[in-house]
N, C-alpha and C. Protein backbone atom coordinates (compact mmCIF):
# COMPACT_ATOMS: atom_id res chain seq x y z
N MET A 1 40.91 -19.54 -10.71
CA MET A 1 40.21 -18.53 -9.86
C MET A 1 40.08 -17.32 -10.24
N ALA A 2 38.60 -16.58 -10.60
CA ALA A 2 38.61 -15.62 -11.43
C ALA A 2 38.84 -14.53 -10.27
N ASP A 3 39.33 -13.53 -11.34
CA ASP A 3 39.15 -12.13 -9.87
C ASP A 3 37.60 -11.86 -9.82
N ASN A 4 37.69 -10.63 -8.83
CA ASN A 4 36.61 -10.12 -8.49
C ASN A 4 35.86 -9.57 -9.58
N ALA A 5 36.55 -8.56 -10.38
CA ALA A 5 36.43 -8.07 -11.19
C ALA A 5 35.19 -8.47 -12.73
N ARG A 6 35.85 -9.80 -12.57
CA ARG A 6 35.30 -10.78 -13.79
C ARG A 6 33.91 -11.19 -13.47
N ALA A 7 34.06 -11.86 -11.89
CA ALA A 7 32.30 -12.41 -11.64
C ALA A 7 32.08 -11.40 -11.28
N LYS A 8 31.89 -9.91 -11.03
CA LYS A 8 31.10 -8.91 -10.71
C LYS A 8 30.50 -8.45 -12.55
N ARG A 9 31.27 -8.84 -13.32
CA ARG A 9 30.85 -8.31 -14.79
C ARG A 9 29.48 -9.66 -15.35
N LEU A 10 30.27 -10.88 -14.85
CA LEU A 10 28.68 -11.87 -15.22
C LEU A 10 28.07 -11.63 -14.26
N ALA A 11 28.12 -11.52 -13.11
CA ALA A 11 26.64 -11.49 -12.09
C ALA A 11 26.27 -10.24 -13.10
N ASP A 12 26.12 -9.08 -13.14
CA ASP A 12 25.80 -7.79 -14.27
C ASP A 12 25.08 -8.47 -15.23
N LEU A 13 25.81 -9.17 -16.07
CA LEU A 13 25.23 -9.84 -17.34
C LEU A 13 24.14 -10.71 -17.36
N ILE A 14 24.37 -11.74 -15.96
CA ILE A 14 23.06 -12.50 -15.87
C ILE A 14 21.73 -11.73 -15.28
N ARG A 15 22.07 -10.46 -14.65
CA ARG A 15 21.02 -9.99 -14.35
C ARG A 15 20.25 -9.43 -15.29
N GLU A 16 20.93 -9.06 -16.47
CA GLU A 16 20.40 -8.35 -17.44
C GLU A 16 19.40 -9.26 -18.39
N VAL A 17 20.66 -10.59 -18.36
CA VAL A 17 19.94 -11.24 -19.41
C VAL A 17 18.14 -12.43 -18.86
N VAL A 18 18.77 -12.85 -17.38
CA VAL A 18 17.29 -13.09 -17.48
C VAL A 18 16.45 -12.33 -16.96
N ALA A 19 16.33 -10.85 -16.35
CA ALA A 19 15.61 -9.86 -16.59
C ALA A 19 14.97 -9.72 -17.99
N GLN A 20 15.51 -9.45 -18.88
CA GLN A 20 14.90 -9.29 -20.54
C GLN A 20 14.05 -10.90 -20.75
N LYS A 21 14.69 -11.75 -20.44
CA LYS A 21 14.16 -13.24 -20.54
C LYS A 21 13.10 -13.23 -19.91
N LEU A 22 12.89 -13.01 -18.91
CA LEU A 22 11.68 -13.27 -17.93
C LEU A 22 10.65 -12.02 -18.88
N GLN A 23 11.31 -11.18 -18.99
CA GLN A 23 9.86 -9.64 -19.82
C GLN A 23 9.94 -9.96 -20.75
N ARG A 24 10.87 -10.99 -21.85
CA ARG A 24 10.09 -10.95 -23.25
C ARG A 24 9.97 -12.40 -23.96
N GLY A 25 10.84 -13.19 -22.71
CA GLY A 25 10.76 -14.75 -23.60
C GLY A 25 10.34 -15.86 -23.18
N ILE A 26 10.05 -15.43 -21.66
CA ILE A 26 9.30 -16.59 -21.03
C ILE A 26 8.13 -16.74 -21.26
N LYS A 27 7.06 -17.64 -21.58
CA LYS A 27 5.50 -17.69 -21.83
C LYS A 27 4.62 -17.77 -20.12
N ASP A 28 5.33 -17.89 -19.05
CA ASP A 28 4.66 -18.71 -18.20
C ASP A 28 3.69 -17.89 -16.96
N PRO A 29 2.72 -17.76 -17.12
CA PRO A 29 1.54 -17.13 -16.48
C PRO A 29 1.89 -16.79 -15.00
N ARG A 30 2.86 -17.25 -14.58
CA ARG A 30 2.83 -17.40 -13.40
C ARG A 30 4.35 -15.94 -13.38
N LEU A 31 4.80 -15.85 -14.25
CA LEU A 31 6.45 -15.04 -14.35
C LEU A 31 5.64 -13.71 -14.88
N GLY A 32 4.55 -13.05 -14.13
CA GLY A 32 4.02 -11.76 -15.32
C GLY A 32 5.41 -10.83 -14.56
N SER A 33 4.47 -9.68 -14.88
CA SER A 33 5.49 -8.55 -14.84
C SER A 33 5.34 -8.24 -13.38
N HIS A 34 5.25 -8.98 -12.21
CA HIS A 34 5.31 -8.46 -10.86
C HIS A 34 6.56 -9.18 -10.36
N VAL A 35 7.03 -9.74 -11.69
CA VAL A 35 8.47 -10.58 -11.07
C VAL A 35 9.82 -9.36 -11.27
N THR A 36 10.54 -9.07 -10.49
CA THR A 36 11.75 -8.27 -10.77
C THR A 36 13.35 -8.86 -10.03
N ILE A 37 14.05 -8.75 -10.78
CA ILE A 37 15.07 -9.32 -10.57
C ILE A 37 16.28 -7.60 -9.99
N THR A 38 16.43 -8.30 -8.98
CA THR A 38 17.12 -7.28 -7.95
C THR A 38 18.12 -7.46 -7.83
N ASP A 39 19.40 -8.55 -8.18
CA ASP A 39 20.66 -8.41 -7.59
C ASP A 39 21.10 -10.10 -7.87
N THR A 40 22.33 -10.08 -8.48
CA THR A 40 22.72 -11.49 -9.05
C THR A 40 24.30 -11.17 -8.53
N ARG A 41 24.70 -12.48 -7.59
CA ARG A 41 26.08 -13.07 -7.17
C ARG A 41 26.45 -13.52 -7.70
N VAL A 42 27.81 -13.75 -8.33
CA VAL A 42 28.69 -14.95 -8.84
C VAL A 42 29.79 -15.62 -7.59
N THR A 43 29.72 -16.92 -7.70
CA THR A 43 31.06 -17.34 -6.97
C THR A 43 32.27 -16.99 -7.20
N GLY A 44 33.22 -17.34 -6.84
CA GLY A 44 34.42 -16.90 -7.52
C GLY A 44 35.20 -17.47 -8.49
N ASP A 45 35.06 -18.61 -7.85
CA ASP A 45 35.22 -19.65 -9.43
C ASP A 45 34.11 -19.65 -10.86
N LEU A 46 32.86 -18.95 -10.85
CA LEU A 46 31.97 -18.45 -11.55
C LEU A 46 31.49 -19.97 -12.00
N ARG A 47 31.28 -20.66 -10.96
CA ARG A 47 30.44 -21.68 -11.05
C ARG A 47 28.87 -21.75 -10.76
N GLU A 48 28.80 -20.79 -9.93
CA GLU A 48 27.44 -20.91 -9.03
C GLU A 48 26.54 -19.38 -9.24
N ALA A 49 25.83 -18.84 -9.42
CA ALA A 49 25.59 -17.86 -9.30
C ALA A 49 24.02 -17.52 -8.98
N THR A 50 23.70 -16.48 -7.90
CA THR A 50 22.48 -16.76 -7.17
C THR A 50 22.26 -15.41 -7.54
N VAL A 51 20.44 -15.28 -8.09
CA VAL A 51 19.51 -14.34 -8.53
C VAL A 51 18.90 -14.00 -7.84
N PHE A 52 18.50 -12.74 -6.99
CA PHE A 52 18.00 -12.01 -5.82
C PHE A 52 16.30 -11.56 -6.78
N TYR A 53 15.31 -12.30 -6.42
CA TYR A 53 14.31 -11.27 -6.98
C TYR A 53 13.11 -10.84 -5.81
N THR A 54 12.17 -9.96 -6.52
CA THR A 54 11.15 -9.35 -5.84
C THR A 54 10.17 -10.24 -6.48
N VAL A 55 8.56 -9.96 -5.89
CA VAL A 55 7.65 -10.26 -6.23
C VAL A 55 6.32 -9.29 -5.30
N TYR A 56 5.70 -8.35 -6.15
CA TYR A 56 4.75 -7.67 -5.66
C TYR A 56 3.41 -8.07 -5.87
N GLY A 57 3.36 -8.61 -4.41
CA GLY A 57 1.97 -9.69 -4.67
C GLY A 57 1.63 -10.17 -3.37
N ASP A 58 0.45 -11.26 -3.20
CA ASP A 58 0.82 -11.64 -2.29
C ASP A 58 1.31 -13.08 -2.15
N GLU A 59 1.36 -13.64 -0.73
CA GLU A 59 2.07 -15.08 -0.74
C GLU A 59 1.74 -16.14 -1.92
N GLU A 60 0.63 -16.26 -1.86
CA GLU A 60 0.19 -17.25 -3.31
C GLU A 60 0.71 -16.63 -4.71
N GLU A 61 0.58 -15.38 -5.54
CA GLU A 61 1.73 -15.27 -6.21
C GLU A 61 3.47 -15.08 -5.81
N ARG A 62 3.91 -15.60 -4.69
CA ARG A 62 5.63 -14.92 -4.39
C ARG A 62 5.44 -17.07 -4.87
N GLN A 63 4.58 -17.37 -4.14
CA GLN A 63 5.12 -19.27 -4.57
C GLN A 63 4.92 -19.79 -5.81
N ALA A 64 3.87 -18.61 -6.81
CA ALA A 64 3.48 -19.12 -7.84
C ALA A 64 4.93 -18.84 -8.64
N ALA A 65 5.72 -17.41 -8.21
CA ALA A 65 6.31 -17.00 -9.08
C ALA A 65 7.78 -17.87 -9.02
N ALA A 66 8.26 -18.45 -7.39
CA ALA A 66 9.12 -19.15 -6.72
C ALA A 66 9.05 -20.51 -7.84
N ALA A 67 7.88 -21.41 -8.35
CA ALA A 67 7.56 -22.34 -9.17
C ALA A 67 7.89 -21.92 -10.49
N GLY A 68 7.54 -21.03 -10.75
CA GLY A 68 8.11 -20.57 -12.43
C GLY A 68 9.00 -20.80 -12.32
N LEU A 69 10.28 -19.45 -11.58
CA LEU A 69 11.63 -19.36 -11.71
C LEU A 69 12.14 -20.90 -11.54
N GLU A 70 11.90 -21.37 -10.93
CA GLU A 70 12.13 -23.02 -11.00
C GLU A 70 12.45 -24.01 -11.97
N SER A 71 11.14 -23.94 -12.60
CA SER A 71 11.04 -24.72 -14.25
C SER A 71 11.13 -23.90 -14.92
N ALA A 72 11.66 -22.82 -15.00
CA ALA A 72 11.97 -21.84 -16.30
C ALA A 72 13.77 -21.88 -15.67
N LYS A 73 14.36 -22.25 -15.13
CA LYS A 73 16.05 -22.57 -14.82
C LYS A 73 16.95 -22.86 -15.72
N GLY A 74 16.45 -24.10 -16.46
CA GLY A 74 17.16 -24.67 -17.58
C GLY A 74 17.06 -23.41 -18.56
N VAL A 75 16.04 -23.58 -19.42
CA VAL A 75 15.97 -21.91 -20.61
C VAL A 75 16.72 -21.15 -20.28
N LEU A 76 16.55 -20.19 -18.82
CA LEU A 76 17.56 -19.28 -18.72
C LEU A 76 18.58 -19.33 -18.37
N ARG A 77 19.18 -20.54 -18.26
CA ARG A 77 20.52 -20.85 -17.71
C ARG A 77 21.28 -20.99 -19.33
N SER A 78 19.95 -21.79 -20.12
CA SER A 78 20.85 -21.38 -21.63
C SER A 78 21.13 -20.11 -21.99
N GLU A 79 20.20 -19.13 -21.69
CA GLU A 79 20.15 -17.81 -22.79
C GLU A 79 21.13 -17.18 -21.71
N VAL A 80 21.36 -17.81 -20.60
CA VAL A 80 23.07 -17.02 -20.14
C VAL A 80 24.37 -17.61 -20.99
N GLY A 81 24.60 -19.33 -21.11
CA GLY A 81 25.36 -19.25 -21.66
C GLY A 81 25.84 -18.86 -23.03
N ARG A 82 24.37 -18.93 -23.90
CA ARG A 82 24.55 -18.30 -25.04
C ARG A 82 25.14 -16.53 -25.40
N ALA A 83 24.70 -15.80 -23.95
CA ALA A 83 25.27 -14.66 -24.07
C ALA A 83 26.58 -14.24 -23.20
N ALA A 84 26.93 -15.49 -22.27
CA ALA A 84 28.01 -15.09 -21.96
C ALA A 84 29.30 -15.36 -22.47
N GLY A 85 29.14 -16.79 -23.48
CA GLY A 85 30.00 -17.40 -23.64
C GLY A 85 31.53 -17.82 -23.09
N VAL A 86 30.78 -18.38 -22.07
CA VAL A 86 32.27 -18.83 -20.73
C VAL A 86 32.00 -20.35 -21.04
N LYS A 87 33.38 -20.88 -20.44
CA LYS A 87 33.62 -21.76 -20.92
C LYS A 87 32.73 -22.96 -20.07
N PHE A 88 31.97 -22.55 -18.84
CA PHE A 88 31.35 -23.30 -18.17
C PHE A 88 30.24 -22.62 -17.65
N THR A 89 28.60 -22.54 -18.18
CA THR A 89 27.72 -21.33 -17.71
C THR A 89 27.30 -21.92 -15.69
N PRO A 90 27.35 -20.76 -15.11
CA PRO A 90 27.00 -20.86 -14.08
C PRO A 90 25.52 -21.79 -13.53
N THR A 91 25.80 -22.16 -12.94
CA THR A 91 24.16 -23.23 -12.14
C THR A 91 23.37 -21.73 -11.34
N LEU A 92 21.86 -21.75 -11.62
CA LEU A 92 21.03 -20.52 -11.25
C LEU A 92 20.39 -21.27 -10.42
N THR A 93 20.64 -20.28 -9.03
CA THR A 93 19.90 -20.18 -7.96
C THR A 93 18.49 -19.25 -7.70
N PHE A 94 17.50 -19.44 -7.73
CA PHE A 94 16.91 -18.05 -7.15
C PHE A 94 16.57 -17.95 -5.72
N VAL A 95 16.27 -16.91 -5.19
CA VAL A 95 16.33 -17.00 -3.93
C VAL A 95 15.44 -15.08 -3.80
N ALA A 96 14.35 -15.04 -3.43
CA ALA A 96 13.73 -14.40 -3.13
C ALA A 96 14.14 -13.41 -2.55
N ASP A 97 14.43 -12.21 -2.23
CA ASP A 97 14.95 -11.05 -1.66
C ASP A 97 14.10 -10.79 -0.65
N ALA A 98 14.76 -10.13 0.66
CA ALA A 98 14.05 -9.76 1.56
C ALA A 98 14.03 -8.42 1.84
N LEU A 99 14.90 -7.56 0.84
CA LEU A 99 14.88 -6.30 1.21
C LEU A 99 13.53 -5.73 1.46
N PRO A 100 12.36 -5.69 0.14
CA PRO A 100 11.31 -5.50 0.61
C PRO A 100 10.22 -5.58 2.00
N ASP A 101 10.63 -6.88 2.00
CA ASP A 101 10.39 -7.21 3.67
C ASP A 101 11.11 -6.16 4.62
N THR A 102 12.03 -6.07 4.92
CA THR A 102 12.88 -5.81 5.81
C THR A 102 12.74 -4.01 5.51
N ALA A 103 12.44 -3.27 4.59
CA ALA A 103 12.30 -2.04 4.44
C ALA A 103 10.61 -1.84 5.11
N ARG A 104 10.26 -2.73 4.65
CA ARG A 104 8.19 -2.68 5.21
C ARG A 104 8.18 -2.08 6.76
N THR A 105 9.31 -3.32 7.39
CA THR A 105 9.53 -3.82 8.96
C THR A 105 10.07 -2.44 9.63
N ILE A 106 11.11 -1.90 8.33
CA ILE A 106 11.51 -0.51 9.10
C ILE A 106 10.71 0.24 9.16
N GLU A 107 10.04 0.82 8.04
CA GLU A 107 8.84 1.82 7.82
C GLU A 107 7.78 1.56 9.00
N ASP A 108 7.60 0.54 9.44
CA ASP A 108 6.45 0.19 10.26
C ASP A 108 7.04 0.86 12.10
N LEU A 109 8.65 0.37 11.92
CA LEU A 109 9.24 0.97 13.41
C LEU A 109 9.16 2.32 13.16
N LEU A 110 9.45 2.73 12.42
CA LEU A 110 9.82 4.41 12.14
C LEU A 110 8.36 5.12 12.19
N ASP A 111 7.16 4.77 11.92
CA ASP A 111 5.97 5.21 12.17
C ASP A 111 5.77 4.96 13.51
N LYS A 112 5.71 3.66 14.51
CA LYS A 112 5.76 3.30 16.15
C LYS A 112 6.71 4.23 16.27
N ALA A 113 7.52 4.86 16.05
CA ALA A 113 8.53 5.69 16.83
C ALA A 113 7.86 7.44 16.41
N ARG A 114 7.35 7.63 15.45
CA ARG A 114 6.88 9.17 15.40
C ARG A 114 5.56 9.00 16.01
N GLN A 115 4.80 7.96 16.24
CA GLN A 115 3.29 8.01 17.40
C GLN A 115 3.50 8.29 18.92
N SER A 116 4.85 7.55 19.04
CA SER A 116 5.56 7.32 20.39
C SER A 116 5.84 8.85 20.60
N ASP A 117 6.72 9.57 19.76
CA ASP A 117 7.09 11.19 19.87
C ASP A 117 6.06 11.84 19.99
N GLU A 118 5.03 11.53 19.05
CA GLU A 118 3.65 12.65 18.84
C GLU A 118 3.44 12.56 20.22
N LYS A 119 3.01 11.71 21.65
CA LYS A 119 2.39 11.36 22.09
C LYS A 119 2.95 12.07 23.29
N VAL A 120 4.64 11.88 23.31
CA VAL A 120 5.24 12.50 24.56
C VAL A 120 5.13 14.04 24.04
N ARG A 121 5.08 14.33 22.90
CA ARG A 121 4.83 16.16 22.48
C ARG A 121 3.64 16.80 23.25
N GLU A 122 2.57 15.76 22.92
CA GLU A 122 1.44 15.99 23.47
C GLU A 122 1.79 16.27 24.88
N ALA A 123 1.96 15.25 25.56
CA ALA A 123 2.00 15.31 26.91
C ALA A 123 3.07 16.57 27.34
N ALA A 124 3.43 16.73 26.35
CA ALA A 124 4.83 17.96 27.17
C ALA A 124 3.88 19.44 26.51
N THR A 125 2.82 19.20 26.24
CA THR A 125 2.53 21.18 26.03
C THR A 125 1.68 21.37 27.24
N GLY A 126 2.11 22.43 27.52
CA GLY A 126 1.28 23.32 28.61
C GLY A 126 2.01 22.80 29.95
N ALA A 127 3.04 21.73 29.92
CA ALA A 127 3.95 21.56 31.24
C ALA A 127 4.41 22.46 31.71
N SER A 128 4.78 22.24 32.85
CA SER A 128 6.09 23.42 33.86
C SER A 128 6.66 22.21 34.05
N TYR A 129 8.19 23.06 34.50
CA TYR A 129 9.55 22.00 35.05
C TYR A 129 8.86 21.70 36.36
N ALA A 130 9.36 20.87 37.03
CA ALA A 130 9.79 20.18 38.43
C ALA A 130 10.02 21.31 39.29
N GLY A 131 10.66 21.39 39.38
CA GLY A 131 11.82 22.25 39.90
C GLY A 131 12.13 23.40 40.12
N GLY A 132 11.87 24.09 38.83
CA GLY A 132 12.11 25.47 38.46
C GLY A 132 12.64 25.49 36.79
N ALA A 133 12.96 26.28 36.67
CA ALA A 133 12.86 26.86 34.50
C ALA A 133 14.11 26.34 34.89
N ASP A 134 15.37 26.72 35.66
CA ASP A 134 16.84 26.11 35.55
C ASP A 134 17.14 25.61 36.68
N PRO A 135 17.17 24.13 36.82
CA PRO A 135 17.81 23.73 37.87
C PRO A 135 19.25 23.79 38.56
N TYR A 136 19.93 23.94 37.49
CA TYR A 136 21.02 24.11 37.62
C TYR A 136 21.94 25.32 38.69
N ARG A 137 22.81 24.49 39.46
CA ARG A 137 23.07 26.01 40.72
C ARG A 137 24.09 26.27 39.67
N LYS A 138 24.21 27.60 40.34
CA LYS A 138 24.91 28.90 39.77
C LYS A 138 26.10 29.39 40.75
N PRO A 139 27.74 29.94 39.85
CA PRO A 139 28.60 30.07 40.91
C PRO A 139 27.81 31.42 41.93
N ALA A 140 26.88 32.01 41.70
CA ALA A 140 26.55 33.02 42.98
C ALA A 140 25.74 32.51 43.56
N ASP A 141 25.05 31.71 43.09
CA ASP A 141 24.11 30.44 44.67
C ASP A 141 25.10 30.09 45.48
N ASP A 142 26.25 29.57 45.76
CA ASP A 142 27.27 29.35 46.51
C ASP A 142 27.96 30.43 47.30
N GLU A 143 27.81 31.23 47.05
CA GLU A 143 28.21 32.42 47.53
C GLU A 143 27.28 32.56 48.81
N THR A 144 26.19 32.84 48.71
CA THR A 144 24.99 33.19 49.79
C THR A 144 24.81 31.81 50.21
N ASP A 145 23.99 32.17 51.41
CA ASP A 145 23.24 31.34 52.01
C ASP A 145 22.20 31.50 51.83
N THR A 146 21.13 30.58 52.74
CA THR A 146 19.77 30.80 52.39
C THR A 146 18.83 31.47 52.62
N ASP A 147 19.86 32.17 54.05
CA ASP A 147 19.43 33.43 55.16
C ASP A 147 19.87 34.79 54.04
N GLY A 148 20.42 34.80 53.14
CA GLY A 148 21.18 36.26 52.10
C GLY A 148 22.43 36.16 52.75
N ASP A 149 23.40 35.59 53.76
CA ASP A 149 24.53 36.05 54.36
C ASP A 149 25.53 35.48 53.16
N VAL A 150 26.54 36.68 53.25
CA VAL A 150 27.68 35.55 51.98
C VAL A 150 28.23 34.58 52.81
N ALA A 151 28.95 33.65 52.14
CA ALA A 151 28.95 32.37 52.81
C ALA A 151 31.14 32.96 52.90
N GLU A 152 31.70 32.16 54.22
CA GLU A 152 32.81 32.41 54.08
C GLU A 152 33.71 31.06 54.48
């Protein structure tokens, strides 16, 4: 079993090698400049690597990029094996990264919250208090009755 530092170093190397090979070495038109490698994780036994990627484009481009990565998997694994120099080259699994979609969803929710806050702010403009400016009792209020006499 390899230590976590070695797995991390191998994951970083795989990310670099795959990104460089996609940029310069793969001639597949489905893997244009809109594919970005975001993260790589390697199992503790260094046998399997998961490569996370994003595709900036519509759903059709995402599916084409996934098919292109799947077809280039063997070439990319060979290049990783050449660069890593390990006894067993990890198998590569490509997974579309959900981070951009999650960030977009959070941004949409924040926009809705800002709009809701703005509506509340507009409704509060010019409004007056329901009971008075200061609805809390004060100790001086407890000492006097409603007719102005001092309470005993």
